[in-house]
Amino acid sequence: MYPIYYAIIIIVCLIALVGTISVARQMTKKENEEDSHEADLTSLKEGRQGKDSSIRILTIIYSITFSMTILLIWIFIF
């Protein structure tokens, strides 16, 4: 039964890794498109709060990973 738990942990961590790489690529792509200082200034003024916020996406990814890890550790202990 433990190999199933190990597989779940590995899959969840790989999903988090792929999600993080995806967000990083999107952010790099956006930064390359906006090279001017004026574009940087307007993006800072807007705040970019919304569905495409990288902080929000990464928080969701890592909270799911953290809660799954805690759950599986709890299963191993008890």
Protein backbone atom coordinates (compact mmCIF):
# COMPACT_ATOMS: atom_id res chain seq x y z
CA MET A 1 0.00 0.00 0.00
CA TYR A 2 2.92 2.35 0.60
CA PRO A 3 3.99 2.35 -3.07
CA ILE A 4 0.61 3.87 -3.92
CA TYR A 5 1.28 6.72 -1.50
CA TYR A 6 4.75 7.22 -2.93
CA ALA A 7 3.28 7.35 -6.42
CA ILE A 8 0.70 9.93 -5.31
CA ILE A 9 3.40 12.13 -3.74
CA ILE A 10 5.58 11.92 -6.84
CA ILE A 11 2.66 12.72 -9.17
CA VAL A 12 1.53 15.71 -7.10
CA CYS A 13 5.07 17.08 -6.90
CA LEU A 14 5.56 16.64 -10.64
CA ILE A 15 2.29 18.46 -11.32
CA ALA A 16 3.45 21.30 -9.07
CA LEU A 17 6.79 21.40 -10.88
CA VAL A 18 5.13 21.52 -14.31
CA GLY A 19 2.75 24.23 -13.11
CA THR A 20 5.62 26.30 -11.75
CA ILE A 21 7.59 25.98 -14.98
CA SER A 22 4.49 26.94 -16.95
CA VAL A 23 3.92 30.07 -14.86
CA ALA A 24 7.60 31.00 -15.12
CA ARG A 25 7.52 30.66 -18.92
CA GLN A 26 4.40 32.82 -19.14
CA MET A 27 5.98 35.49 -16.98
CA THR A 28 9.21 35.41 -19.00
CA LYS A 29 7.22 35.71 -22.22
CA LYS A 30 5.28 38.70 -20.86
CA GLU A 31 8.49 40.37 -19.68
CA ASN A 32 10.10 39.93 -23.09
CA GLU A 33 7.10 41.49 -24.80
CA GLU A 34 7.14 44.54 -22.52
CA ASP A 35 10.64 45.92 -22.89
CA SER A 36 9.91 49.61 -22.53
CA HIS A 37 10.02 51.48 -19.27
CA GLU A 38 6.57 52.92 -19.89
CA ALA A 39 5.07 49.43 -20.17
CA ASP A 40 6.75 48.44 -16.90
CA LEU A 41 5.41 51.53 -15.19
CA THR A 42 1.84 51.00 -16.40
CA SER A 43 1.91 47.32 -15.41
CA LEU A 44 3.05 48.27 -11.91
CA LYS A 45 0.31 50.88 -11.65
CA GLU A 46 -2.35 48.39 -12.77
CA GLY A 47 -1.17 45.82 -10.27
CA ARG A 48 -2.18 42.90 -12.50
CA GLN A 49 -4.64 41.60 -9.97
CA GLY A 50 -6.92 39.00 -11.43
CA LYS A 51 -7.03 35.57 -12.93
CA ASP A 52 -3.59 35.81 -14.54
CA SER A 53 -1.75 36.80 -11.37
CA SER A 54 1.29 34.54 -11.04
CA ILE A 55 1.35 34.85 -7.26
CA ARG A 56 -2.22 33.60 -7.06
CA ILE A 57 -1.55 30.65 -9.38
CA LEU A 58 1.63 29.63 -7.55
CA THR A 59 -0.11 29.94 -4.18
CA ILE A 60 -2.84 27.57 -5.34
CA ILE A 61 -0.31 25.10 -6.74
CA TYR A 62 1.81 25.01 -3.60
CA SER A 63 -1.13 24.97 -1.17
CA ILE A 64 -2.51 21.88 -2.91
CA THR A 65 0.92 20.24 -2.87
CA PHE A 66 1.46 21.13 0.79
CA SER A 67 -1.95 19.85 1.90
CA MET A 68 -1.51 16.58 -0.03
CA THR A 69 1.91 16.09 1.53
CA ILE A 70 0.58 16.75 5.04
CA LEU A 71 -2.30 14.35 4.43
CA LEU A 72 0.02 11.59 3.22
CA ILE A 73 2.43 12.14 6.12
CA TRP A 74 -0.52 11.88 8.51
CA ILE A 75 -1.54 8.60 6.84
CA PHE A 76 2.00 7.24 7.27
CA ILE A 77 2.13 8.16 10.97
CA PHE A 78 -1.28 6.76 11.89
